[in-house]
PDB file of N, CA and C in Angstrom:
ATOM      1  N   MET A   1     -25.147  12.665  -4.640  1.00  0.00           N
ATOM      2  CA  MET A   1     -24.227  12.482  -5.735  1.00  0.00           C
ATOM      3  C   MET A   1     -22.981  13.358  -5.568  1.00  0.00           C
ATOM      4  N   LEU A   2     -23.177  14.523  -5.012  1.00  0.00           N
ATOM      5  CA  LEU A   2     -22.045  15.409  -4.783  1.00  0.00           C
ATOM      6  C   LEU A   2     -21.066  14.806  -3.780  1.00  0.00           C
ATOM      7  N   MET A   3     -21.609  14.084  -2.805  1.00  0.00           N
ATOM      8  CA  MET A   3     -20.755  13.457  -1.808  1.00  0.00           C
ATOM      9  C   MET A   3     -19.893  12.362  -2.438  1.00  0.00           C
ATOM     10  N   MET A   4     -20.463  11.604  -3.383  1.00  0.00           N
ATOM     11  CA  MET A   4     -19.692  10.557  -4.050  1.00  0.00           C
ATOM     12  C   MET A   4     -18.598  11.155  -4.927  1.00  0.00           C
ATOM     13  N   MET A   5     -18.862  12.286  -5.547  1.00  0.00           N
ATOM     14  CA  MET A   5     -17.831  12.940  -6.349  1.00  0.00           C
ATOM     15  C   MET A   5     -16.694  13.429  -5.461  1.00  0.00           C
ATOM     16  N   THR A   6     -17.037  13.896  -4.261  1.00  0.00           N
ATOM     17  CA  THR A   6     -16.013  14.321  -3.315  1.00  0.00           C
ATOM     18  C   THR A   6     -15.149  13.137  -2.905  1.00  0.00           C
ATOM     19  N   TYR A   7     -15.783  11.988  -2.640  1.00  0.00           N
ATOM     20  CA  TYR A   7     -15.013  10.789  -2.309  1.00  0.00           C
ATOM     21  C   TYR A   7     -14.128  10.363  -3.472  1.00  0.00           C
ATOM     22  N   TYR A   8     -14.643  10.489  -4.687  1.00  0.00           N
ATOM     23  CA  TYR A   8     -13.861  10.109  -5.854  1.00  0.00           C
ATOM     24  C   TYR A   8     -12.640  11.013  -6.001  1.00  0.00           C
ATOM     25  N   TYR A   9     -12.821  12.314  -5.836  1.00  0.00           N
ATOM     26  CA  TYR A   9     -11.688  13.231  -5.950  1.00  0.00           C
ATOM     27  C   TYR A   9     -10.672  13.006  -4.834  1.00  0.00           C
ATOM     28  N   LEU A  10     -11.154  12.739  -3.635  1.00  0.00           N
ATOM     29  CA  LEU A  10     -10.247  12.459  -2.528  1.00  0.00           C
ATOM     30  C   LEU A  10      -9.479  11.162  -2.766  1.00  0.00           C
ATOM     31  N   PHE A  11     -10.180  10.142  -3.269  1.00  0.00           N
ATOM     32  CA  PHE A  11      -9.524   8.883  -3.596  1.00  0.00           C
ATOM     33  C   PHE A  11      -8.481   9.086  -4.689  1.00  0.00           C
ATOM     34  N   SER A  12      -8.803   9.860  -5.701  1.00  0.00           N
ATOM     35  CA  SER A  12      -7.849  10.132  -6.776  1.00  0.00           C
ATOM     36  C   SER A  12      -6.611  10.850  -6.252  1.00  0.00           C
ATOM     37  N   PHE A  13      -6.816  11.781  -5.345  1.00  0.00           N
ATOM     38  CA  PHE A  13      -5.686  12.480  -4.741  1.00  0.00           C
ATOM     39  C   PHE A  13      -4.815  11.530  -3.935  1.00  0.00           C
ATOM     40  N   PHE A  14      -5.445  10.660  -3.127  1.00  0.00           N
ATOM     41  CA  PHE A  14      -4.684   9.694  -2.331  1.00  0.00           C
ATOM     42  C   PHE A  14      -3.883   8.752  -3.219  1.00  0.00           C
ATOM     43  N   VAL A  15      -4.500   8.269  -4.295  1.00  0.00           N
ATOM     44  CA  VAL A  15      -3.796   7.355  -5.190  1.00  0.00           C
ATOM     45  C   VAL A  15      -2.646   8.079  -5.884  1.00  0.00           C
ATOM     46  N   PHE A  16      -2.863   9.319  -6.304  1.00  0.00           N
ATOM     47  CA  PHE A  16      -1.795  10.080  -6.948  1.00  0.00           C
ATOM     48  C   PHE A  16      -0.622  10.286  -5.991  1.00  0.00           C
ATOM     49  N   VAL A  17      -0.906  10.648  -4.749  1.00  0.00           N
ATOM     50  CA  VAL A  17       0.161  10.855  -3.765  1.00  0.00           C
ATOM     51  C   VAL A  17       0.882   9.535  -3.472  1.00  0.00           C
ATOM     52  N   GLY A  18       0.135   8.429  -3.363  1.00  0.00           N
ATOM     53  CA  GLY A  18       0.747   7.137  -3.106  1.00  0.00           C
ATOM     54  C   GLY A  18       1.630   6.665  -4.237  1.00  0.00           C
ATOM     55  N   VAL A  19       1.169   6.827  -5.462  1.00  0.00           N
ATOM     56  CA  VAL A  19       1.970   6.411  -6.614  1.00  0.00           C
ATOM     57  C   VAL A  19       3.186   7.304  -6.761  1.00  0.00           C
ATOM     58  N   TYR A  20       3.019   8.609  -6.523  1.00  0.00           N
ATOM     59  CA  TYR A  20       4.166   9.518  -6.599  1.00  0.00           C
ATOM     60  C   TYR A  20       5.224   9.167  -5.556  1.00  0.00           C
ATOM     61  N   SER A  21       4.796   8.866  -4.336  1.00  0.00           N
ATOM     62  CA  SER A  21       5.776   8.505  -3.313  1.00  0.00           C
ATOM     63  C   SER A  21       6.415   7.154  -3.609  1.00  0.00           C
ATOM     64  N   PHE A  22       5.673   6.245  -4.218  1.00  0.00           N
ATOM     65  CA  PHE A  22       6.233   4.939  -4.583  1.00  0.00           C
ATOM     66  C   PHE A  22       7.283   5.086  -5.677  1.00  0.00           C
ATOM     67  N   VAL A  23       7.034   5.957  -6.634  1.00  0.00           N
ATOM     68  CA  VAL A  23       7.950   6.113  -7.753  1.00  0.00           C
ATOM     69  C   VAL A  23       9.165   6.959  -7.369  1.00  0.00           C
ATOM     70  N   SER A  24       8.954   7.991  -6.559  1.00  0.00           N
ATOM     71  CA  SER A  24      10.043   8.929  -6.287  1.00  0.00           C
ATOM     72  C   SER A  24      10.979   8.483  -5.167  1.00  0.00           C
ATOM     73  N   LYS A  25      10.511   7.749  -4.195  1.00  0.00           N
ATOM     74  CA  LYS A  25      11.331   7.371  -3.050  1.00  0.00           C
ATOM     75  C   LYS A  25      11.680   5.887  -3.134  1.00  0.00           C
ATOM     76  N   ARG A  26      12.553   5.571  -4.047  1.00  0.00           N
ATOM     77  CA  ARG A  26      12.926   4.177  -4.261  1.00  0.00           C
ATOM     78  C   ARG A  26      14.301   3.860  -3.713  1.00  0.00           C
ATOM     79  N   LYS A  27      14.762   4.613  -2.750  1.00  0.00           N
ATOM     80  CA  LYS A  27      16.093   4.382  -2.204  1.00  0.00           C
ATOM     81  C   LYS A  27      16.073   3.278  -1.152  1.00  0.00           C
ATOM     82  N   HIS A  28      15.065   3.278  -0.312  1.00  0.00           N
ATOM     83  CA  HIS A  28      14.941   2.282   0.756  1.00  0.00           C
ATOM     84  C   HIS A  28      13.746   1.377   0.497  1.00  0.00           C
ATOM     85  N   LEU A  29      13.875   0.146   0.920  1.00  0.00           N
ATOM     86  CA  LEU A  29      12.766  -0.799   0.794  1.00  0.00           C
ATOM     87  C   LEU A  29      11.626  -0.424   1.733  1.00  0.00           C
ATOM     88  N   LEU A  30      11.948   0.074   2.915  1.00  0.00           N
ATOM     89  CA  LEU A  30      10.911   0.434   3.884  1.00  0.00           C
ATOM     90  C   LEU A  30      10.022   1.561   3.369  1.00  0.00           C
ATOM     91  N   SER A  31      10.593   2.544   2.694  1.00  0.00           N
ATOM     92  CA  SER A  31       9.773   3.643   2.163  1.00  0.00           C
ATOM     93  C   SER A  31       8.856   3.160   1.048  1.00  0.00           C
ATOM     94  N   THR A  32       9.318   2.226   0.229  1.00  0.00           N
ATOM     95  CA  THR A  32       8.435   1.695  -0.811  1.00  0.00           C
ATOM     96  C   THR A  32       7.321   0.854  -0.206  1.00  0.00           C
ATOM     97  N   LEU A  33       7.628   0.109   0.851  1.00  0.00           N
ATOM     98  CA  LEU A  33       6.584  -0.666   1.523  1.00  0.00           C
ATOM     99  C   LEU A  33       5.550   0.245   2.181  1.00  0.00           C
ATOM    100  N   LEU A  34       5.999   1.346   2.767  1.00  0.00           N
ATOM    101  CA  LEU A  34       5.052   2.290   3.367  1.00  0.00           C
ATOM    102  C   LEU A  34       4.174   2.954   2.321  1.00  0.00           C
ATOM    103  N   SER A  35       4.711   3.265   1.166  1.00  0.00           N
ATOM    104  CA  SER A  35       3.879   3.867   0.122  1.00  0.00           C
ATOM    105  C   SER A  35       2.881   2.852  -0.428  1.00  0.00           C
ATOM    106  N   LEU A  36       3.263   1.585  -0.514  1.00  0.00           N
ATOM    107  CA  LEU A  36       2.306   0.557  -0.925  1.00  0.00           C
ATOM    108  C   LEU A  36       1.195   0.383   0.103  1.00  0.00           C
ATOM    109  N   GLU A  37       1.534   0.450   1.376  1.00  0.00           N
ATOM    110  CA  GLU A  37       0.501   0.362   2.409  1.00  0.00           C
ATOM    111  C   GLU A  37      -0.430   1.573   2.377  1.00  0.00           C
ATOM    112  N   PHE A  38       0.112   2.742   2.034  1.00  0.00           N
ATOM    113  CA  PHE A  38      -0.731   3.926   1.875  1.00  0.00           C
ATOM    114  C   PHE A  38      -1.714   3.742   0.724  1.00  0.00           C
ATOM    115  N   LEU A  39      -1.253   3.136  -0.370  1.00  0.00           N
ATOM    116  CA  LEU A  39      -2.158   2.850  -1.479  1.00  0.00           C
ATOM    117  C   LEU A  39      -3.248   1.869  -1.074  1.00  0.00           C
ATOM    118  N   VAL A  40      -2.894   0.855  -0.312  1.00  0.00           N
ATOM    119  CA  VAL A  40      -3.883  -0.123   0.148  1.00  0.00           C
ATOM    120  C   VAL A  40      -4.912   0.545   1.058  1.00  0.00           C
ATOM    121  N   LEU A  41      -4.452   1.434   1.941  1.00  0.00           N
ATOM    122  CA  LEU A  41      -5.392   2.130   2.820  1.00  0.00           C
ATOM    123  C   LEU A  41      -6.290   3.091   2.054  1.00  0.00           C
ATOM    124  N   SER A  42      -5.779   3.701   1.010  1.00  0.00           N
ATOM    125  CA  SER A  42      -6.643   4.583   0.212  1.00  0.00           C
ATOM    126  C   SER A  42      -7.689   3.775  -0.547  1.00  0.00           C
ATOM    127  N   ILE A  43      -7.328   2.599  -1.042  1.00  0.00           N
ATOM    128  CA  ILE A  43      -8.314   1.724  -1.693  1.00  0.00           C
ATOM    129  C   ILE A  43      -9.341   1.251  -0.674  1.00  0.00           C
ATOM    130  N   PHE A  44      -8.900   0.930   0.536  1.00  0.00           N
ATOM    131  CA  PHE A  44      -9.830   0.530   1.590  1.00  0.00           C
ATOM    132  C   PHE A  44     -10.802   1.653   1.921  1.00  0.00           C
ATOM    133  N   TYR A  45     -10.306   2.867   2.025  1.00  0.00           N
ATOM    134  CA  TYR A  45     -11.166   4.016   2.327  1.00  0.00           C
ATOM    135  C   TYR A  45     -12.208   4.213   1.230  1.00  0.00           C
ATOM    136  N   TYR A  46     -11.802   4.087  -0.027  1.00  0.00           N
ATOM    137  CA  TYR A  46     -12.731   4.275  -1.127  1.00  0.00           C
ATOM    138  C   TYR A  46     -13.767   3.156  -1.157  1.00  0.00           C
ATOM    139  N   MET A  47     -13.340   1.912  -0.945  1.00  0.00           N
ATOM    140  CA  MET A  47     -14.295   0.802  -0.933  1.00  0.00           C
ATOM    141  C   MET A  47     -15.272   0.934   0.218  1.00  0.00           C
ATOM    142  N   PHE A  48     -14.789   1.390   1.362  1.00  0.00           N
ATOM    143  CA  PHE A  48     -15.672   1.594   2.510  1.00  0.00           C
ATOM    144  C   PHE A  48     -16.721   2.657   2.213  1.00  0.00           C
ATOM    145  N   SER A  49     -16.307   3.758   1.607  1.00  0.00           N
ATOM    146  CA  SER A  49     -17.265   4.823   1.309  1.00  0.00           C
ATOM    147  C   SER A  49     -18.281   4.376   0.262  1.00  0.00           C
ATOM    148  N   ILE A  50     -17.842   3.607  -0.727  1.00  0.00           N
ATOM    149  CA  ILE A  50     -18.775   3.107  -1.744  1.00  0.00           C
ATOM    150  C   ILE A  50     -19.769   2.131  -1.128  1.00  0.00           C
ATOM    151  N   LEU A  51     -19.283   1.207  -0.319  1.00  0.00           N
ATOM    152  CA  LEU A  51     -20.170   0.205   0.269  1.00  0.00           C
ATOM    153  C   LEU A  51     -21.152   0.818   1.261  1.00  0.00           C
ATOM    154  N   VAL A  52     -20.736   1.814   2.007  1.00  0.00           N
ATOM    155  CA  VAL A  52     -21.650   2.470   2.944  1.00  0.00           C
ATOM    156  C   VAL A  52     -22.674   3.317   2.192  1.00  0.00           C
ATOM    157  N   TYR A  53     -22.239   3.972   1.117  1.00  0.00           N
ATOM    158  CA  TYR A  53     -23.146   4.831   0.364  1.00  0.00           C
ATOM    159  C   TYR A  53     -24.263   4.030  -0.295  1.00  0.00           C
ATOM    160  N   TYR A  54     -23.931   2.859  -0.819  1.00  0.00           N
ATOM    161  CA  TYR A  54     -24.931   2.031  -1.472  1.00  0.00           C
ATOM    162  C   TYR A  54     -25.564   0.999  -0.543  1.00  0.00           C
ATOM    163  N   LEU A  55     -25.289   1.074   0.735  1.00  0.00           N
ATOM    164  CA  LEU A  55     -25.888   0.241   1.786  1.00  0.00           C
ATOM    165  C   LEU A  55     -25.649  -1.251   1.568  1.00  0.00           C
ATOM    166  N   PHE A  56     -24.426  -1.600   1.179  1.00  0.00           N
ATOM    167  CA  PHE A  56     -24.049  -3.003   1.057  1.00  0.00           C
ATOM    168  C   PHE A  56     -23.449  -3.488   2.376  1.00  0.00           C
ATOM    169  N   ASP A  57     -23.320  -4.813   2.483  1.00  0.00           N
ATOM    170  CA  ASP A  57     -22.653  -5.378   3.651  1.00  0.00           C
ATOM    171  C   ASP A  57     -21.156  -5.114   3.576  1.00  0.00           C
ATOM    172  N   LEU A  58     -20.533  -5.063   4.726  1.00  0.00           N
ATOM    173  CA  LEU A  58     -19.111  -4.726   4.795  1.00  0.00           C
ATOM    174  C   LEU A  58     -18.218  -5.949   4.997  1.00  0.00           C
ATOM    175  N   TYR A  59     -18.748  -7.150   4.700  1.00  0.00           N
ATOM    176  CA  TYR A  59     -17.954  -8.359   4.898  1.00  0.00           C
ATOM    177  C   TYR A  59     -16.793  -8.438   3.926  1.00  0.00           C
ATOM    178  N   PHE A  60     -16.961  -7.881   2.740  1.00  0.00           N
ATOM    179  CA  PHE A  60     -15.883  -7.913   1.759  1.00  0.00           C
ATOM    180  C   PHE A  60     -14.666  -7.151   2.265  1.00  0.00           C
ATOM    181  N   LEU A  61     -14.880  -6.118   3.053  1.00  0.00           N
ATOM    182  CA  LEU A  61     -13.766  -5.345   3.589  1.00  0.00           C
ATOM    183  C   LEU A  61     -12.917  -6.161   4.555  1.00  0.00           C
ATOM    184  N   MET A  62     -13.523  -7.092   5.248  1.00  0.00           N
ATOM    185  CA  MET A  62     -12.744  -7.964   6.137  1.00  0.00           C
ATOM    186  C   MET A  62     -11.798  -8.854   5.330  1.00  0.00           C
ATOM    187  N   TYR A  63     -12.271  -9.370   4.197  1.00  0.00           N
ATOM    188  CA  TYR A  63     -11.391 -10.152   3.324  1.00  0.00           C
ATOM    189  C   TYR A  63     -10.269  -9.279   2.773  1.00  0.00           C
ATOM    190  N   PHE A  64     -10.620  -8.072   2.369  1.00  0.00           N
ATOM    191  CA  PHE A  64      -9.617  -7.156   1.834  1.00  0.00           C
ATOM    192  C   PHE A  64      -8.569  -6.817   2.890  1.00  0.00           C
ATOM    193  N   LEU A  65      -8.994  -6.547   4.100  1.00  0.00           N
ATOM    194  CA  LEU A  65      -8.048  -6.246   5.177  1.00  0.00           C
ATOM    195  C   LEU A  65      -7.173  -7.452   5.513  1.00  0.00           C
ATOM    196  N   THR A  66      -7.744  -8.638   5.451  1.00  0.00           N
ATOM    197  CA  THR A  66      -6.968  -9.846   5.712  1.00  0.00           C
ATOM    198  C   THR A  66      -5.848 -10.002   4.693  1.00  0.00           C
ATOM    199  N   PHE A  67      -6.172  -9.823   3.424  1.00  0.00           N
ATOM    200  CA  PHE A  67      -5.150  -9.940   2.393  1.00  0.00           C
ATOM    201  C   PHE A  67      -4.132  -8.809   2.467  1.00  0.00           C
ATOM    202  N   SER A  68      -4.571  -7.614   2.842  1.00  0.00           N
ATOM    203  CA  SER A  68      -3.608  -6.515   2.947  1.00  0.00           C
ATOM    204  C   SER A  68      -2.673  -6.704   4.136  1.00  0.00           C
ATOM    205  N   VAL A  69      -3.156  -7.286   5.222  1.00  0.00           N
ATOM    206  CA  VAL A  69      -2.282  -7.586   6.363  1.00  0.00           C
ATOM    207  C   VAL A  69      -1.286  -8.675   5.986  1.00  0.00           C
ATOM    208  N   CYS A  70      -1.731  -9.673   5.233  1.00  0.00           N
ATOM    209  CA  CYS A  70      -0.803 -10.711   4.771  1.00  0.00           C
ATOM    210  C   CYS A  70       0.254 -10.125   3.844  1.00  0.00           C
ATOM    211  N   GLU A  71      -0.152  -9.182   3.005  1.00  0.00           N
ATOM    212  CA  GLU A  71       0.805  -8.516   2.112  1.00  0.00           C
ATOM    213  C   GLU A  71       1.810  -7.704   2.910  1.00  0.00           C
ATOM    214  N   GLY A  72       1.362  -7.019   3.943  1.00  0.00           N
ATOM    215  CA  GLY A  72       2.269  -6.245   4.781  1.00  0.00           C
ATOM    216  C   GLY A  72       3.232  -7.123   5.552  1.00  0.00           C
ATOM    217  N   ALA A  73       2.742  -8.239   6.064  1.00  0.00           N
ATOM    218  CA  ALA A  73       3.619  -9.164   6.792  1.00  0.00           C
ATOM    219  C   ALA A  73       4.649  -9.790   5.862  1.00  0.00           C
ATOM    220  N   LEU A  74       4.255 -10.092   4.649  1.00  0.00           N
ATOM    221  CA  LEU A  74       5.205 -10.646   3.680  1.00  0.00           C
ATOM    222  C   LEU A  74       6.271  -9.620   3.321  1.00  0.00           C
ATOM    223  N   GLY A  75       5.873  -8.368   3.149  1.00  0.00           N
ATOM    224  CA  GLY A  75       6.837  -7.312   2.855  1.00  0.00           C
ATOM    225  C   GLY A  75       7.813  -7.097   3.988  1.00  0.00           C
ATOM    226  N   LEU A  76       7.318  -7.113   5.215  1.00  0.00           N
ATOM    227  CA  LEU A  76       8.210  -6.948   6.366  1.00  0.00           C
ATOM    228  C   LEU A  76       9.150  -8.132   6.535  1.00  0.00           C
ATOM    229  N   SER A  77       8.675  -9.335   6.223  1.00  0.00           N
ATOM    230  CA  SER A  77       9.574 -10.492   6.326  1.00  0.00           C
ATOM    231  C   SER A  77      10.665 -10.430   5.260  1.00  0.00           C
ATOM    232  N   ILE A  78      10.340  -9.947   4.083  1.00  0.00           N
ATOM    233  CA  ILE A  78      11.368  -9.756   3.050  1.00  0.00           C
ATOM    234  C   ILE A  78      12.349  -8.686   3.490  1.00  0.00           C
ATOM    235  N   LEU A  79      11.849  -7.617   4.096  1.00  0.00           N
ATOM    236  CA  LEU A  79      12.726  -6.554   4.600  1.00  0.00           C
ATOM    237  C   LEU A  79      13.685  -7.084   5.657  1.00  0.00           C
ATOM    238  N   VAL A  80      13.187  -7.873   6.588  1.00  0.00           N
ATOM    239  CA  VAL A  80      14.040  -8.422   7.655  1.00  0.00           C
ATOM    240  C   VAL A  80      15.085  -9.374   7.071  1.00  0.00           C
ATOM    241  N   SER A  81      14.681 -10.205   6.129  1.00  0.00           N
ATOM    242  CA  SER A  81      15.655 -11.141   5.549  1.00  0.00           C
ATOM    243  C   SER A  81      16.715 -10.409   4.725  1.00  0.00           C
ATOM    244  N   MET A  82      16.331  -9.319   4.062  1.00  0.00           N
ATOM    245  CA  MET A  82      17.324  -8.551   3.307  1.00  0.00           C
ATOM    246  C   MET A  82      18.278  -7.816   4.238  1.00  0.00           C
ATOM    247  N   ILE A  83      17.770  -7.310   5.344  1.00  0.00           N
ATOM    248  CA  ILE A  83      18.646  -6.625   6.296  1.00  0.00           C
ATOM    249  C   ILE A  83      19.590  -7.621   6.965  1.00  0.00           C
ATOM    250  N   ARG A  84      19.098  -8.811   7.260  1.00  0.00           N
ATOM    251  CA  ARG A  84      19.974  -9.812   7.873  1.00  0.00           C
ATOM    252  C   ARG A  84      21.048 -10.297   6.910  1.00  0.00           C
ATOM    253  N   SER A  85      20.703 -10.404   5.641  1.00  0.00           N
ATOM    254  CA  SER A  85      21.698 -10.927   4.700  1.00  0.00           C
ATOM    255  C   SER A  85      22.671  -9.858   4.211  1.00  0.00           C
ATOM    256  N   HIS A  86      22.199  -8.609   4.006  1.00  0.00           N
ATOM    257  CA  HIS A  86      23.054  -7.567   3.450  1.00  0.00           C
ATOM    258  C   HIS A  86      23.430  -6.474   4.448  1.00  0.00           C
ATOM    259  N   GLY A  87      22.687  -6.331   5.514  1.00  0.00           N
ATOM    260  CA  GLY A  87      23.021  -5.339   6.532  1.00  0.00           C
ATOM    261  C   GLY A  87      22.293  -4.017   6.402  1.00  0.00           C
ATOM    262  N   VAL A  88      21.795  -3.664   5.227  1.00  0.00           N
ATOM    263  CA  VAL A  88      21.071  -2.413   5.006  1.00  0.00           C
ATOM    264  C   VAL A  88      19.878  -2.690   4.097  1.00  0.00           C
ATOM    265  N   ASP A  89      18.994  -1.686   3.979  1.00  0.00           N
ATOM    266  CA  ASP A  89      17.855  -1.859   3.087  1.00  0.00           C
ATOM    267  C   ASP A  89      17.922  -0.941   1.872  1.00  0.00           C
ATOM    268  N   TYR A  90      19.128  -0.503   1.516  1.00  0.00           N
ATOM    269  CA  TYR A  90      19.313   0.282   0.295  1.00  0.00           C
ATOM    270  C   TYR A  90      19.167  -0.625  -0.921  1.00  0.00           C
ATOM    271  N   PHE A  91      18.520  -0.103  -1.950  1.00  0.00           N
ATOM    272  CA  PHE A  91      18.429  -0.880  -3.181  1.00  0.00           C
ATOM    273  C   PHE A  91      19.732  -0.859  -3.964  1.00  0.00           C
ATOM    274  N   GLY A  92      20.558   0.154  -3.741  1.00  0.00           N
ATOM    275  CA  GLY A  92      21.816   0.241  -4.461  1.00  0.00           C
ATOM    276  C   GLY A  92      22.828  -0.805  -4.063  1.00  0.00           C
ATOM    277  N   VAL A  93      22.678  -1.391  -2.886  1.00  0.00           N
ATOM    278  CA  VAL A  93      23.630  -2.388  -2.383  1.00  0.00           C
ATOM    279  C   VAL A  93      23.397  -3.747  -3.016  1.00  0.00           C
ATOM    280  N   PHE A  94      22.166  -4.027  -3.380  1.00  0.00           N
ATOM    281  CA  PHE A  94      21.816  -5.363  -3.864  1.00  0.00           C
ATOM    282  C   PHE A  94      22.236  -5.558  -5.300  1.00  0.00           C
ATOM    283  N   ASN A  95      22.817  -6.687  -5.553  1.00  0.00           N
ATOM    284  CA  ASN A  95      23.154  -7.078  -6.912  1.00  0.00           C
ATOM    285  C   ASN A  95      22.213  -8.197  -7.300  1.00  0.00           C
ATOM    286  N   MET A  96      21.436  -8.001  -8.331  1.00  0.00           N
ATOM    287  CA  MET A  96      20.413  -8.997  -8.692  1.00  0.00           C
ATOM    288  C   MET A  96      21.026 -10.267  -9.260  1.00  0.00           C
ATOM    289  N   VAL A  97      22.261 -10.214  -9.714  1.00  0.00           N
ATOM    290  CA  VAL A  97      22.908 -11.409 -10.250  1.00  0.00           C
ATOM    291  C   VAL A  97      23.225 -12.389  -9.118  1.00  0.00           C
ATOM    292  N   GLN A  98      23.602 -11.872  -7.949  1.00  0.00           N
ATOM    293  CA  GLN A  98      23.951 -12.736  -6.824  1.00  0.00           C
ATOM    294  C   GLN A  98      22.716 -13.247  -6.092  1.00  0.00           C
ATOM    295  N   CYS A  99      21.621 -12.541  -6.117  1.00  0.00           N
ATOM    296  CA  CYS A  99      20.443 -12.941  -5.344  1.00  0.00           C
ATOM    297  C   CYS A  99      19.759 -14.086  -5.974  1.00  0.00           C
TER     298      CYS A  99
END
C-alpha cells in the first residue's frame, strides 16, 4: 500500500508540473504541445503502475498509446500548417478573426 501511495504522489507531482508548464508557457505552440505530451506520459505512467500492481492485462495501454500518438501527430500537423501559413508559431501573431 505504501508503494501505491508513492506512485500517487509522484503522479500528482507530474500532473502539477505538466499543468503548470501548460499554463505558464503559452507563448509558443510547440511548448504547449510538449507540456500536453508530458501530461499524457504521466497518465500513462500512472496507468501502467496501477495495472501492474493489480495484475491486470496491459492491452488497454496499447489503445491509450495509439490515441496519444494520434493526438501528437494531429498537434504536429497543426503546428506545421500554422508555421507554413504565418511563418512563426507565436500565439501573439495569430488573429482569430482571420482564421
